[in-house]
Amino acid sequence: MDITRDIVIDYIKSQYGTEPEFPWEGDPVSCVFRHCDNHKWFALIMRVRKDRLGMAGDTPVDCMNLKIDDPVLHDMLCHSDGIIPSYHMNKRHWITVLLDGTVPGPKIFELLDVSYRATMRKRKK
């Protein structure tokens, strides 16, 4: 089963109890998810043209930015299909995961959990 943005949003709502925020006026697609206590982002879901992600073509693709603090894991992930250094964020600490079926659902949910933990308040980790 392909993991769509709607499936990811439903997972985030049920797993972390947070709703999407749409901070950019005129952009009803891009949404961020924040921790309820410290308001730090742990996920950004957006639709980006493929050529802006270094891919062939200019059709839009859904993707998600996630924080990965571990540099070794970050480097390993960036060599996986469907995962690239972050689009439009710090490439040392964030990755972009394609939501086009390239990355299996369990892997997406695992990476979401990693990002959620990486952005928690230090004492809760």
PDB file of N, CA and C in Angstrom:
ATOM      1  N   MET A   1       0.837  -1.186   0.000  1.00  0.00           N
ATOM      2  CA  MET A   1       0.000   0.000   0.000  1.00  0.00           C
ATOM      3  C   MET A   1       0.884   1.252   0.000  1.00  0.00           C
ATOM      4  N   ASP A   2       0.610   2.149  -0.926  1.00  0.00           N
ATOM      5  CA  ASP A   2       1.318   3.419  -0.966  1.00  0.00           C
ATOM      6  C   ASP A   2       0.857   4.301   0.192  1.00  0.00           C
ATOM      7  N   ILE A   3       1.804   4.970   0.786  1.00  0.00           N
ATOM      8  CA  ILE A   3       1.503   5.877   1.892  1.00  0.00           C
ATOM      9  C   ILE A   3       1.306   7.272   1.313  1.00  0.00           C
ATOM     10  N   THR A   4       0.110   7.783   1.425  1.00  0.00           N
ATOM     11  CA  THR A   4      -0.211   9.114   0.921  1.00  0.00           C
ATOM     12  C   THR A   4      -0.102  10.140   2.040  1.00  0.00           C
ATOM     13  N   ARG A   5      -0.121  11.407   1.651  1.00  0.00           N
ATOM     14  CA  ARG A   5      -0.070  12.473   2.640  1.00  0.00           C
ATOM     15  C   ARG A   5      -1.214  12.350   3.632  1.00  0.00           C
ATOM     16  N   ASP A   6      -2.414  11.950   3.170  1.00  0.00           N
ATOM     17  CA  ASP A   6      -3.566  11.822   4.069  1.00  0.00           C
ATOM     18  C   ASP A   6      -3.357  10.717   5.103  1.00  0.00           C
ATOM     19  N   ILE A   7      -2.745   9.626   4.692  1.00  0.00           N
ATOM     20  CA  ILE A   7      -2.443   8.542   5.633  1.00  0.00           C
ATOM     21  C   ILE A   7      -1.426   9.021   6.668  1.00  0.00           C
ATOM     22  N   VAL A   8      -0.411   9.754   6.221  1.00  0.00           N
ATOM     23  CA  VAL A   8       0.600  10.278   7.146  1.00  0.00           C
ATOM     24  C   VAL A   8      -0.042  11.263   8.124  1.00  0.00           C
ATOM     25  N   ILE A   9      -0.894  12.145   7.624  1.00  0.00           N
ATOM     26  CA  ILE A   9      -1.563  13.116   8.495  1.00  0.00           C
ATOM     27  C   ILE A   9      -2.424  12.391   9.530  1.00  0.00           C
ATOM     28  N   ASP A  10      -3.168  11.373   9.118  1.00  0.00           N
ATOM     29  CA  ASP A  10      -3.980  10.611  10.068  1.00  0.00           C
ATOM     30  C   ASP A  10      -3.112   9.920  11.113  1.00  0.00           C
ATOM     31  N   TYR A  11      -1.960   9.380  10.684  1.00  0.00           N
ATOM     32  CA  TYR A  11      -1.036   8.732  11.619  1.00  0.00           C
ATOM     33  C   TYR A  11      -0.536   9.742  12.653  1.00  0.00           C
ATOM     34  N   ILE A  12      -0.121  10.913  12.201  1.00  0.00           N
ATOM     35  CA  ILE A  12       0.396  11.932  13.110  1.00  0.00           C
ATOM     36  C   ILE A  12      -0.679  12.360  14.106  1.00  0.00           C
ATOM     37  N   LYS A  13      -1.888  12.570  13.633  1.00  0.00           N
ATOM     38  CA  LYS A  13      -2.983  12.962  14.522  1.00  0.00           C
ATOM     39  C   LYS A  13      -3.226  11.918  15.599  1.00  0.00           C
ATOM     40  N   SER A  14      -3.270  10.642  15.203  1.00  0.00           N
ATOM     41  CA  SER A  14      -3.572   9.592  16.175  1.00  0.00           C
ATOM     42  C   SER A  14      -2.381   9.264  17.075  1.00  0.00           C
ATOM     43  N   GLN A  15      -1.176   9.287  16.513  1.00  0.00           N
ATOM     44  CA  GLN A  15       0.019   8.916  17.285  1.00  0.00           C
ATOM     45  C   GLN A  15       0.472  10.022  18.246  1.00  0.00           C
ATOM     46  N   TYR A  16       0.398  11.270  17.807  1.00  0.00           N
ATOM     47  CA  TYR A  16       0.961  12.368  18.593  1.00  0.00           C
ATOM     48  C   TYR A  16      -0.075  13.376  19.076  1.00  0.00           C
ATOM     49  N   GLY A  17      -1.309  13.232  18.630  1.00  0.00           N
ATOM     50  CA  GLY A  17      -2.373  14.123  19.092  1.00  0.00           C
ATOM     51  C   GLY A  17      -2.215  15.565  18.662  1.00  0.00           C
ATOM     52  N   THR A  18      -1.647  15.777  17.502  1.00  0.00           N
ATOM     53  CA  THR A  18      -1.450  17.147  17.014  1.00  0.00           C
ATOM     54  C   THR A  18      -2.108  17.307  15.644  1.00  0.00           C
ATOM     55  N   GLU A  19      -2.602  18.481  15.398  1.00  0.00           N
ATOM     56  CA  GLU A  19      -3.288  18.806  14.156  1.00  0.00           C
ATOM     57  C   GLU A  19      -2.334  19.544  13.208  1.00  0.00           C
ATOM     58  N   PRO A  20      -2.569  19.446  11.906  1.00  0.00           N
ATOM     59  CA  PRO A  20      -1.721  20.189  10.958  1.00  0.00           C
ATOM     60  C   PRO A  20      -1.990  21.685  11.052  1.00  0.00           C
ATOM     61  N   GLU A  21      -0.932  22.457  10.879  1.00  0.00           N
ATOM     62  CA  GLU A  21      -1.042  23.915  10.779  1.00  0.00           C
ATOM     63  C   GLU A  21      -0.679  24.290   9.345  1.00  0.00           C
ATOM     64  N   PHE A  22      -1.398  25.251   8.798  1.00  0.00           N
ATOM     65  CA  PHE A  22      -1.161  25.728   7.440  1.00  0.00           C
ATOM     66  C   PHE A  22      -0.689  27.184   7.528  1.00  0.00           C
ATOM     67  N   PRO A  23       0.621  27.387   7.753  1.00  0.00           N
ATOM     68  CA  PRO A  23       1.127  28.728   8.061  1.00  0.00           C
ATOM     69  C   PRO A  23       1.319  29.665   6.867  1.00  0.00           C
ATOM     70  N   TRP A  24       1.238  29.131   5.649  1.00  0.00           N
ATOM     71  CA  TRP A  24       1.514  29.975   4.494  1.00  0.00           C
ATOM     72  C   TRP A  24       0.217  30.349   3.780  1.00  0.00           C
ATOM     73  N   GLU A  25      -0.082  31.616   3.809  1.00  0.00           N
ATOM     74  CA  GLU A  25      -1.288  32.114   3.159  1.00  0.00           C
ATOM     75  C   GLU A  25      -1.250  31.777   1.674  1.00  0.00           C
ATOM     76  N   GLY A  26      -2.352  31.284   1.169  1.00  0.00           N
ATOM     77  CA  GLY A  26      -2.425  30.925  -0.238  1.00  0.00           C
ATOM     78  C   GLY A  26      -1.883  29.545  -0.555  1.00  0.00           C
ATOM     79  N   ASP A  27      -1.418  28.813   0.453  1.00  0.00           N
ATOM     80  CA  ASP A  27      -0.905  27.454   0.249  1.00  0.00           C
ATOM     81  C   ASP A  27      -1.709  26.495   1.129  1.00  0.00           C
ATOM     82  N   PRO A  28      -2.779  25.910   0.569  1.00  0.00           N
ATOM     83  CA  PRO A  28      -3.612  25.004   1.369  1.00  0.00           C
ATOM     84  C   PRO A  28      -3.065  23.579   1.449  1.00  0.00           C
ATOM     85  N   VAL A  29      -1.891  23.338   0.871  1.00  0.00           N
ATOM     86  CA  VAL A  29      -1.326  21.991   0.823  1.00  0.00           C
ATOM     87  C   VAL A  29      -0.228  21.793   1.865  1.00  0.00           C
ATOM     88  N   SER A  30       0.698  22.741   1.974  1.00  0.00           N
ATOM     89  CA  SER A  30       1.831  22.601   2.887  1.00  0.00           C
ATOM     90  C   SER A  30       1.375  22.787   4.330  1.00  0.00           C
ATOM     91  N   CYS A  31       1.745  21.817   5.163  1.00  0.00           N
ATOM     92  CA  CYS A  31       1.361  21.905   6.567  1.00  0.00           C
ATOM     93  C   CYS A  31       2.512  21.456   7.457  1.00  0.00           C
ATOM     94  N   VAL A  32       2.538  22.003   8.659  1.00  0.00           N
ATOM     95  CA  VAL A  32       3.557  21.645   9.633  1.00  0.00           C
ATOM     96  C   VAL A  32       2.893  20.986  10.833  1.00  0.00           C
ATOM     97  N   PHE A  33       3.673  20.182  11.503  1.00  0.00           N
ATOM     98  CA  PHE A  33       3.231  19.550  12.738  1.00  0.00           C
ATOM     99  C   PHE A  33       4.231  19.922  13.817  1.00  0.00           C
ATOM    100  N   ARG A  34       3.697  20.372  14.950  1.00  0.00           N
ATOM    101  CA  ARG A  34       4.525  20.827  16.063  1.00  0.00           C
ATOM    102  C   ARG A  34       4.229  20.021  17.320  1.00  0.00           C
ATOM    103  N   HIS A  35       5.214  20.005  18.204  1.00  0.00           N
ATOM    104  CA  HIS A  35       4.987  19.470  19.545  1.00  0.00           C
ATOM    105  C   HIS A  35       4.030  20.404  20.273  1.00  0.00           C
ATOM    106  N   CYS A  36       3.170  19.841  21.074  1.00  0.00           N
ATOM    107  CA  CYS A  36       2.215  20.660  21.818  1.00  0.00           C
ATOM    108  C   CYS A  36       2.900  21.491  22.900  1.00  0.00           C
ATOM    109  N   ASP A  37       3.989  20.980  23.481  1.00  0.00           N
ATOM    110  CA  ASP A  37       4.611  21.688  24.601  1.00  0.00           C
ATOM    111  C   ASP A  37       5.656  22.722  24.179  1.00  0.00           C
ATOM    112  N   ASN A  38       6.537  22.381  23.255  1.00  0.00           N
ATOM    113  CA  ASN A  38       7.609  23.321  22.897  1.00  0.00           C
ATOM    114  C   ASN A  38       7.396  23.982  21.532  1.00  0.00           C
ATOM    115  N   HIS A  39       6.372  23.575  20.810  1.00  0.00           N
ATOM    116  CA  HIS A  39       5.991  24.144  19.505  1.00  0.00           C
ATOM    117  C   HIS A  39       7.035  23.966  18.411  1.00  0.00           C
ATOM    118  N   LYS A  40       8.014  23.088  18.629  1.00  0.00           N
ATOM    119  CA  LYS A  40       8.998  22.815  17.578  1.00  0.00           C
ATOM    120  C   LYS A  40       8.373  21.927  16.512  1.00  0.00           C
ATOM    121  N   TRP A  41       8.753  22.198  15.274  1.00  0.00           N
ATOM    122  CA  TRP A  41       8.306  21.368  14.163  1.00  0.00           C
ATOM    123  C   TRP A  41       8.960  19.997  14.262  1.00  0.00           C
ATOM    124  N   PHE A  42       8.194  18.959  13.956  1.00  0.00           N
ATOM    125  CA  PHE A  42       8.810  17.639  13.781  1.00  0.00           C
ATOM    126  C   PHE A  42       8.515  17.087  12.392  1.00  0.00           C
ATOM    127  N   ALA A  43       7.584  17.722  11.668  1.00  0.00           N
ATOM    128  CA  ALA A  43       7.297  17.293  10.296  1.00  0.00           C
ATOM    129  C   ALA A  43       6.724  18.457   9.496  1.00  0.00           C
ATOM    130  N   LEU A  44       7.098  18.503   8.239  1.00  0.00           N
ATOM    131  CA  LEU A  44       6.559  19.463   7.271  1.00  0.00           C
ATOM    132  C   LEU A  44       6.165  18.667   6.043  1.00  0.00           C
ATOM    133  N   ILE A  45       4.884  18.689   5.713  1.00  0.00           N
ATOM    134  CA  ILE A  45       4.396  18.002   4.517  1.00  0.00           C
ATOM    135  C   ILE A  45       4.117  19.058   3.463  1.00  0.00           C
ATOM    136  N   MET A  46       4.601  18.807   2.241  1.00  0.00           N
ATOM    137  CA  MET A  46       4.451  19.801   1.174  1.00  0.00           C
ATOM    138  C   MET A  46       4.385  19.111  -0.176  1.00  0.00           C
ATOM    139  N   ARG A  47       4.052  19.881  -1.175  1.00  0.00           N
ATOM    140  CA  ARG A  47       4.046  19.411  -2.564  1.00  0.00           C
ATOM    141  C   ARG A  47       5.064  20.271  -3.310  1.00  0.00           C
ATOM    142  N   VAL A  48       6.052  19.610  -3.914  1.00  0.00           N
ATOM    143  CA  VAL A  48       7.169  20.296  -4.551  1.00  0.00           C
ATOM    144  C   VAL A  48       7.372  19.725  -5.953  1.00  0.00           C
ATOM    145  N   ARG A  49       7.755  20.578  -6.881  1.00  0.00           N
ATOM    146  CA  ARG A  49       8.074  20.093  -8.228  1.00  0.00           C
ATOM    147  C   ARG A  49       9.298  19.181  -8.160  1.00  0.00           C
ATOM    148  N   LYS A  50       9.262  18.121  -8.937  1.00  0.00           N
ATOM    149  CA  LYS A  50      10.352  17.137  -8.931  1.00  0.00           C
ATOM    150  C   LYS A  50      11.704  17.766  -9.248  1.00  0.00           C
ATOM    151  N   ASP A  51      11.750  18.697 -10.187  1.00  0.00           N
ATOM    152  CA  ASP A  51      13.048  19.278 -10.556  1.00  0.00           C
ATOM    153  C   ASP A  51      13.674  20.052  -9.400  1.00  0.00           C
ATOM    154  N   ARG A  52      12.879  20.550  -8.482  1.00  0.00           N
ATOM    155  CA  ARG A  52      13.423  21.249  -7.311  1.00  0.00           C
ATOM    156  C   ARG A  52      14.043  20.284  -6.296  1.00  0.00           C
ATOM    157  N   LEU A  53      13.709  19.022  -6.452  1.00  0.00           N
ATOM    158  CA  LEU A  53      14.272  17.989  -5.583  1.00  0.00           C
ATOM    159  C   LEU A  53      15.418  17.238  -6.260  1.00  0.00           C
ATOM    160  N   GLY A  54      15.821  17.721  -7.452  1.00  0.00           N
ATOM    161  CA  GLY A  54      16.909  17.079  -8.177  1.00  0.00           C
ATOM    162  C   GLY A  54      16.457  15.880  -8.990  1.00  0.00           C
ATOM    163  N   MET A  55      15.161  15.787  -9.231  1.00  0.00           N
ATOM    164  CA  MET A  55      14.611  14.664  -9.998  1.00  0.00           C
ATOM    165  C   MET A  55      14.234  15.153 -11.392  1.00  0.00           C
ATOM    166  N   ALA A  56      14.031  14.219 -12.288  1.00  0.00           N
ATOM    167  CA  ALA A  56      13.634  14.564 -13.651  1.00  0.00           C
ATOM    168  C   ALA A  56      12.162  14.953 -13.692  1.00  0.00           C
ATOM    169  N   GLY A  57      11.854  15.964 -14.477  1.00  0.00           N
ATOM    170  CA  GLY A  57      10.471  16.387 -14.661  1.00  0.00           C
ATOM    171  C   GLY A  57      10.104  17.549 -13.753  1.00  0.00           C
ATOM    172  N   ASP A  58       8.961  18.128 -14.063  1.00  0.00           N
ATOM    173  CA  ASP A  58       8.520  19.265 -13.257  1.00  0.00           C
ATOM    174  C   ASP A  58       7.132  19.041 -12.656  1.00  0.00           C
ATOM    175  N   THR A  59       6.685  17.782 -12.642  1.00  0.00           N
ATOM    176  CA  THR A  59       5.404  17.493 -12.012  1.00  0.00           C
ATOM    177  C   THR A  59       5.559  17.547 -10.491  1.00  0.00           C
ATOM    178  N   PRO A  60       4.514  17.925  -9.789  1.00  0.00           N
ATOM    179  CA  PRO A  60       4.614  18.004  -8.325  1.00  0.00           C
ATOM    180  C   PRO A  60       4.567  16.620  -7.674  1.00  0.00           C
ATOM    181  N   VAL A  61       5.225  16.517  -6.546  1.00  0.00           N
ATOM    182  CA  VAL A  61       5.242  15.285  -5.763  1.00  0.00           C
ATOM    183  C   VAL A  61       5.071  15.660  -4.290  1.00  0.00           C
ATOM    184  N   ASP A  62       4.287  14.873  -3.560  1.00  0.00           N
ATOM    185  CA  ASP A  62       4.149  15.086  -2.124  1.00  0.00           C
ATOM    186  C   ASP A  62       5.396  14.549  -1.430  1.00  0.00           C
ATOM    187  N   CYS A  63       5.843  15.280  -0.421  1.00  0.00           N
ATOM    188  CA  CYS A  63       7.011  14.874   0.339  1.00  0.00           C
ATOM    189  C   CYS A  63       6.904  15.422   1.756  1.00  0.00           C
ATOM    190  N   MET A  64       7.818  14.972   2.612  1.00  0.00           N
ATOM    191  CA  MET A  64       7.790  15.370   4.007  1.00  0.00           C
ATOM    192  C   MET A  64       9.210  15.584   4.513  1.00  0.00           C
ATOM    193  N   ASN A  65       9.438  16.680   5.200  1.00  0.00           N
ATOM    194  CA  ASN A  65      10.715  16.943   5.846  1.00  0.00           C
ATOM    195  C   ASN A  65      10.666  16.451   7.282  1.00  0.00           C
ATOM    196  N   LEU A  66      11.736  15.758   7.691  1.00  0.00           N
ATOM    197  CA  LEU A  66      11.847  15.200   9.036  1.00  0.00           C
ATOM    198  C   LEU A  66      13.227  15.484   9.593  1.00  0.00           C
ATOM    199  N   LYS A  67      13.308  15.680  10.897  1.00  0.00           N
ATOM    200  CA  LYS A  67      14.600  15.961  11.537  1.00  0.00           C
ATOM    201  C   LYS A  67      15.274  14.653  11.949  1.00  0.00           C
ATOM    202  N   ILE A  68      16.550  14.535  11.574  1.00  0.00           N
ATOM    203  CA  ILE A  68      17.374  13.380  11.935  1.00  0.00           C
ATOM    204  C   ILE A  68      18.666  13.932  12.528  1.00  0.00           C
ATOM    205  N   ASP A  69      18.817  13.840  13.851  1.00  0.00           N
ATOM    206  CA  ASP A  69      19.985  14.405  14.530  1.00  0.00           C
ATOM    207  C   ASP A  69      21.259  13.575  14.372  1.00  0.00           C
ATOM    208  N   ASP A  70      21.122  12.289  14.261  1.00  0.00           N
ATOM    209  CA  ASP A  70      22.279  11.403  14.177  1.00  0.00           C
ATOM    210  C   ASP A  70      22.912  11.536  12.787  1.00  0.00           C
ATOM    211  N   PRO A  71      24.159  12.049  12.703  1.00  0.00           N
ATOM    212  CA  PRO A  71      24.767  12.271  11.390  1.00  0.00           C
ATOM    213  C   PRO A  71      25.011  10.993  10.589  1.00  0.00           C
ATOM    214  N   VAL A  72      25.296   9.895  11.257  1.00  0.00           N
ATOM    215  CA  VAL A  72      25.532   8.632  10.551  1.00  0.00           C
ATOM    216  C   VAL A  72      24.215   8.128   9.952  1.00  0.00           C
ATOM    217  N   LEU A  73      23.156   8.149  10.739  1.00  0.00           N
ATOM    218  CA  LEU A  73      21.844   7.741  10.233  1.00  0.00           C
ATOM    219  C   LEU A  73      21.402   8.667   9.109  1.00  0.00           C
ATOM    220  N   HIS A  74      21.610   9.954   9.279  1.00  0.00           N
ATOM    221  CA  HIS A  74      21.242  10.939   8.248  1.00  0.00           C
ATOM    222  C   HIS A  74      21.932  10.595   6.927  1.00  0.00           C
ATOM    223  N   ASP A  75      23.234  10.333   6.992  1.00  0.00           N
ATOM    224  CA  ASP A  75      23.997  10.013   5.783  1.00  0.00           C
ATOM    225  C   ASP A  75      23.509   8.709   5.145  1.00  0.00           C
ATOM    226  N   MET A  76      23.255   7.703   5.960  1.00  0.00           N
ATOM    227  CA  MET A  76      22.757   6.424   5.437  1.00  0.00           C
ATOM    228  C   MET A  76      21.402   6.612   4.762  1.00  0.00           C
ATOM    229  N   LEU A  77      20.520   7.377   5.395  1.00  0.00           N
ATOM    230  CA  LEU A  77      19.184   7.592   4.842  1.00  0.00           C
ATOM    231  C   LEU A  77      19.242   8.315   3.504  1.00  0.00           C
ATOM    232  N   CYS A  78      20.156   9.274   3.384  1.00  0.00           N
ATOM    233  CA  CYS A  78      20.249  10.056   2.150  1.00  0.00           C
ATOM    234  C   CYS A  78      20.775   9.240   0.970  1.00  0.00           C
ATOM    235  N   HIS A  79      21.186   8.008   1.228  1.00  0.00           N
ATOM    236  CA  HIS A  79      21.597   7.101   0.162  1.00  0.00           C
ATOM    237  C   HIS A  79      20.513   6.058  -0.122  1.00  0.00           C
ATOM    238  N   SER A  80      19.331   6.255   0.435  1.00  0.00           N
ATOM    239  CA  SER A  80      18.199   5.346   0.219  1.00  0.00           C
ATOM    240  C   SER A  80      17.290   5.910  -0.858  1.00  0.00           C
ATOM    241  N   ASP A  81      16.617   5.038  -1.581  1.00  0.00           N
ATOM    242  CA  ASP A  81      15.645   5.483  -2.584  1.00  0.00           C
ATOM    243  C   ASP A  81      14.523   6.254  -1.904  1.00  0.00           C
ATOM    244  N   GLY A  82      14.177   7.393  -2.471  1.00  0.00           N
ATOM    245  CA  GLY A  82      13.054   8.179  -1.978  1.00  0.00           C
ATOM    246  C   GLY A  82      13.369   9.082  -0.810  1.00  0.00           C
ATOM    247  N   ILE A  83      14.631   9.144  -0.397  1.00  0.00           N
ATOM    248  CA  ILE A  83      15.044  10.015   0.715  1.00  0.00           C
ATOM    249  C   ILE A  83      16.235  10.830   0.249  1.00  0.00           C
ATOM    250  N   ILE A  84      16.148  12.148   0.427  1.00  0.00           N
ATOM    251  CA  ILE A  84      17.207  13.055  -0.018  1.00  0.00           C
ATOM    252  C   ILE A  84      17.515  14.063   1.087  1.00  0.00           C
ATOM    253  N   PRO A  85      18.667  14.743   0.984  1.00  0.00           N
ATOM    254  CA  PRO A  85      18.902  15.850   1.924  1.00  0.00           C
ATOM    255  C   PRO A  85      17.742  16.836   1.819  1.00  0.00           C
ATOM    256  N   SER A  86      17.409  17.431   2.894  1.00  0.00           N
ATOM    257  CA  SER A  86      16.198  18.237   2.999  1.00  0.00           C
ATOM    258  C   SER A  86      16.058  19.332   1.947  1.00  0.00           C
ATOM    259  N   TYR A  87      14.851  19.452   1.457  1.00  0.00           N
ATOM    260  CA  TYR A  87      14.500  20.557   0.571  1.00  0.00           C
ATOM    261  C   TYR A  87      14.100  21.731   1.443  1.00  0.00           C
ATOM    262  N   HIS A  88      14.759  22.846   1.252  1.00  0.00           N
ATOM    263  CA  HIS A  88      14.380  24.128   1.855  1.00  0.00           C
ATOM    264  C   HIS A  88      14.580  24.186   3.372  1.00  0.00           C
ATOM    265  N   MET A  89      15.406  23.297   3.928  1.00  0.00           N
ATOM    266  CA  MET A  89      15.734  23.339   5.356  1.00  0.00           C
ATOM    267  C   MET A  89      17.199  22.905   5.508  1.00  0.00           C
ATOM    268  N   ASN A  90      17.701  22.949   6.734  1.00  0.00           N
ATOM    269  CA  ASN A  90      19.082  22.591   7.018  1.00  0.00           C
ATOM    270  C   ASN A  90      19.351  21.149   6.587  1.00  0.00           C
ATOM    271  N   LYS A  91      20.204  20.984   5.609  1.00  0.00           N
ATOM    272  CA  LYS A  91      20.469  19.670   5.029  1.00  0.00           C
ATOM    273  C   LYS A  91      21.294  18.762   5.936  1.00  0.00           C
ATOM    274  N   ARG A  92      21.911  19.317   6.974  1.00  0.00           N
ATOM    275  CA  ARG A  92      22.683  18.491   7.911  1.00  0.00           C
ATOM    276  C   ARG A  92      21.793  17.804   8.940  1.00  0.00           C
ATOM    277  N   HIS A  93      20.625  18.379   9.206  1.00  0.00           N
ATOM    278  CA  HIS A  93      19.780  17.859  10.275  1.00  0.00           C
ATOM    279  C   HIS A  93      18.403  17.389   9.806  1.00  0.00           C
ATOM    280  N   TRP A  94      18.048  17.668   8.566  1.00  0.00           N
ATOM    281  CA  TRP A  94      16.731  17.325   8.057  1.00  0.00           C
ATOM    282  C   TRP A  94      16.847  16.528   6.764  1.00  0.00           C
ATOM    283  N   ILE A  95      15.863  15.664   6.524  1.00  0.00           N
ATOM    284  CA  ILE A  95      15.769  14.910   5.286  1.00  0.00           C
ATOM    285  C   ILE A  95      14.406  15.176   4.654  1.00  0.00           C
ATOM    286  N   THR A  96      14.310  14.908   3.365  1.00  0.00           N
ATOM    287  CA  THR A  96      13.032  14.942   2.665  1.00  0.00           C
ATOM    288  C   THR A  96      12.700  13.520   2.238  1.00  0.00           C
ATOM    289  N   VAL A  97      11.516  13.071   2.606  1.00  0.00           N
ATOM    290  CA  VAL A  97      11.034  11.727   2.284  1.00  0.00           C
ATOM    291  C   VAL A  97       9.907  11.869   1.268  1.00  0.00           C
ATOM    292  N   LEU A  98      10.045  11.199   0.134  1.00  0.00           N
ATOM    293  CA  LEU A  98       8.997  11.242  -0.875  1.00  0.00           C
ATOM    294  C   LEU A  98       7.798  10.424  -0.412  1.00  0.00           C
ATOM    295  N   LEU A  99       6.621  10.962  -0.655  1.00  0.00           N
ATOM    296  CA  LEU A  99       5.379  10.265  -0.317  1.00  0.00           C
ATOM    297  C   LEU A  99       4.707   9.804  -1.613  1.00  0.00           C
ATOM    298  N   ASP A 100       5.488   9.101  -2.420  1.00  0.00           N
ATOM    299  CA  ASP A 100       5.009   8.651  -3.738  1.00  0.00           C
ATOM    300  C   ASP A 100       5.039   7.132  -3.888  1.00  0.00           C
ATOM    301  N   GLY A 101       5.207   6.425  -2.778  1.00  0.00           N
ATOM    302  CA  GLY A 101       5.271   4.971  -2.824  1.00  0.00           C
ATOM    303  C   GLY A 101       6.684   4.422  -2.861  1.00  0.00           C
ATOM    304  N   THR A 102       7.680   5.285  -3.021  1.00  0.00           N
ATOM    305  CA  THR A 102       9.070   4.836  -3.077  1.00  0.00           C
ATOM    306  C   THR A 102       9.538   4.310  -1.722  1.00  0.00           C
ATOM    307  N   VAL A 103       9.175   5.009  -0.654  1.00  0.00           N
ATOM    308  CA  VAL A 103       9.578   4.624   0.701  1.00  0.00           C
ATOM    309  C   VAL A 103       8.413   3.847   1.330  1.00  0.00           C
ATOM    310  N   PRO A 104       8.685   2.640   1.836  1.00  0.00           N
ATOM    311  CA  PRO A 104       7.608   1.845   2.432  1.00  0.00           C
ATOM    312  C   PRO A 104       6.995   2.522   3.665  1.00  0.00           C
ATOM    313  N   GLY A 105       5.723   2.278   3.865  1.00  0.00           N
ATOM    314  CA  GLY A 105       4.991   2.883   4.983  1.00  0.00           C
ATOM    315  C   GLY A 105       5.642   2.690   6.335  1.00  0.00           C
ATOM    316  N   PRO A 106       6.024   1.457   6.715  1.00  0.00           N
ATOM    317  CA  PRO A 106       6.645   1.273   8.026  1.00  0.00           C
ATOM    318  C   PRO A 106       7.906   2.129   8.211  1.00  0.00           C
ATOM    319  N   LYS A 107       8.685   2.294   7.147  1.00  0.00           N
ATOM    320  CA  LYS A 107       9.894   3.116   7.223  1.00  0.00           C
ATOM    321  C   LYS A 107       9.525   4.585   7.445  1.00  0.00           C
ATOM    322  N   ILE A 108       8.488   5.066   6.752  1.00  0.00           N
ATOM    323  CA  ILE A 108       8.040   6.451   6.924  1.00  0.00           C
ATOM    324  C   ILE A 108       7.613   6.684   8.372  1.00  0.00           C
ATOM    325  N   PHE A 109       6.835   5.760   8.934  1.00  0.00           N
ATOM    326  CA  PHE A 109       6.369   5.928  10.308  1.00  0.00           C
ATOM    327  C   PHE A 109       7.527   5.853  11.303  1.00  0.00           C
ATOM    328  N   GLU A 110       8.504   4.998  11.034  1.00  0.00           N
ATOM    329  CA  GLU A 110       9.693   4.900  11.883  1.00  0.00           C
ATOM    330  C   GLU A 110      10.468   6.226  11.861  1.00  0.00           C
ATOM    331  N   LEU A 111      10.649   6.808  10.679  1.00  0.00           N
ATOM    332  CA  LEU A 111      11.365   8.072  10.560  1.00  0.00           C
ATOM    333  C   LEU A 111      10.591   9.220  11.204  1.00  0.00           C
ATOM    334  N   LEU A 112       9.276   9.176  11.127  1.00  0.00           N
ATOM    335  CA  LEU A 112       8.453  10.164  11.824  1.00  0.00           C
ATOM    336  C   LEU A 112       8.698  10.095  13.325  1.00  0.00           C
ATOM    337  N   ASP A 113       8.757   8.877  13.861  1.00  0.00           N
ATOM    338  CA  ASP A 113       9.023   8.703  15.282  1.00  0.00           C
ATOM    339  C   ASP A 113      10.403   9.237  15.666  1.00  0.00           C
ATOM    340  N   VAL A 114      11.399   9.006  14.806  1.00  0.00           N
ATOM    341  CA  VAL A 114      12.748   9.521  15.059  1.00  0.00           C
ATOM    342  C   VAL A 114      12.722  11.050  15.096  1.00  0.00           C
ATOM    343  N   SER A 115      12.042  11.664  14.144  1.00  0.00           N
ATOM    344  CA  SER A 115      11.954  13.119  14.092  1.00  0.00           C
ATOM    345  C   SER A 115      11.218  13.666  15.305  1.00  0.00           C
ATOM    346  N   TYR A 116      10.155  12.997  15.700  1.00  0.00           N
ATOM    347  CA  TYR A 116       9.393  13.440  16.869  1.00  0.00           C
ATOM    348  C   TYR A 116      10.281  13.433  18.118  1.00  0.00           C
ATOM    349  N   ARG A 117      11.030  12.358  18.306  1.00  0.00           N
ATOM    350  CA  ARG A 117      11.919  12.271  19.473  1.00  0.00           C
ATOM    351  C   ARG A 117      13.051  13.293  19.396  1.00  0.00           C
ATOM    352  N   ALA A 118      13.563  13.539  18.194  1.00  0.00           N
ATOM    353  CA  ALA A 118      14.681  14.478  18.024  1.00  0.00           C
ATOM    354  C   ALA A 118      14.278  15.914  18.353  1.00  0.00           C
ATOM    355  N   THR A 119      13.005  16.220  18.283  1.00  0.00           N
ATOM    356  CA  THR A 119      12.548  17.593  18.506  1.00  0.00           C
ATOM    357  C   THR A 119      11.826  17.772  19.841  1.00  0.00           C
ATOM    358  N   MET A 120      11.808  16.732  20.666  1.00  0.00           N
ATOM    359  CA  MET A 120      11.189  16.827  21.986  1.00  0.00           C
ATOM    360  C   MET A 120      12.019  17.713  22.897  1.00  0.00           C
ATOM    361  N   ARG A 121      11.387  18.170  23.962  1.00  0.00           N
ATOM    362  CA  ARG A 121      12.153  18.872  24.999  1.00  0.00           C
ATOM    363  C   ARG A 121      13.203  17.912  25.546  1.00  0.00           C
ATOM    364  N   LYS A 122      14.352  18.441  25.847  1.00  0.00           N
ATOM    365  CA  LYS A 122      15.494  17.596  26.255  1.00  0.00           C
ATOM    366  C   LYS A 122      15.145  16.698  27.434  1.00  0.00           C
ATOM    367  N   ARG A 123      14.425  17.198  28.422  1.00  0.00           N
ATOM    368  CA  ARG A 123      14.154  16.376  29.614  1.00  0.00           C
ATOM    369  C   ARG A 123      13.181  15.241  29.338  1.00  0.00           C
ATOM    370  N   LYS A 124      12.378  15.334  28.259  1.00  0.00           N
ATOM    371  CA  LYS A 124      11.430  14.272  27.934  1.00  0.00           C
ATOM    372  C   LYS A 124      12.070  13.164  27.127  1.00  0.00           C
ATOM    373  N   LYS A 125      13.216  13.426  26.479  1.00  0.00           N
ATOM    374  CA  LYS A 125      13.884  12.407  25.680  1.00  0.00           C
ATOM    375  C   LYS A 125      14.314  11.282  26.581  1.00  0.00           C
TER     376      LYS A 125
END
